[in-house]
Amino acid sequence: MKHRIHIERDEDGKFAASCPAQPGCWSQGDRREQAVGNMGDAIRGYIESLRTHGDPAPPPISEEVIDVNIGRAPCAV
């Protein structure tokens, strides 16, 4: 099963990952690849915990990615 995750670099240079379809499920890593791997472990653990407690998994989030053209950004010369 595939899950869409969001990855951001924090102010300390580490990578933070979250999964919008799994509220409260997040992870981090020193490298992007580490954050992605840790996120996979976090999602599996989250779903396993839901099943153990008899809770339903949240429905998938429908998401659309749209490019927005903002034209040329002004710059100081």
Foldseek 3Di string as FASTA:
>chain_A
DDFDKDWDQDPVRKIKIDTVQAPPQIAIGNDPVVRVVVSVVSVVVSVVVCVVVVHDRGDHDDDDDDDDDPDDDDDDD
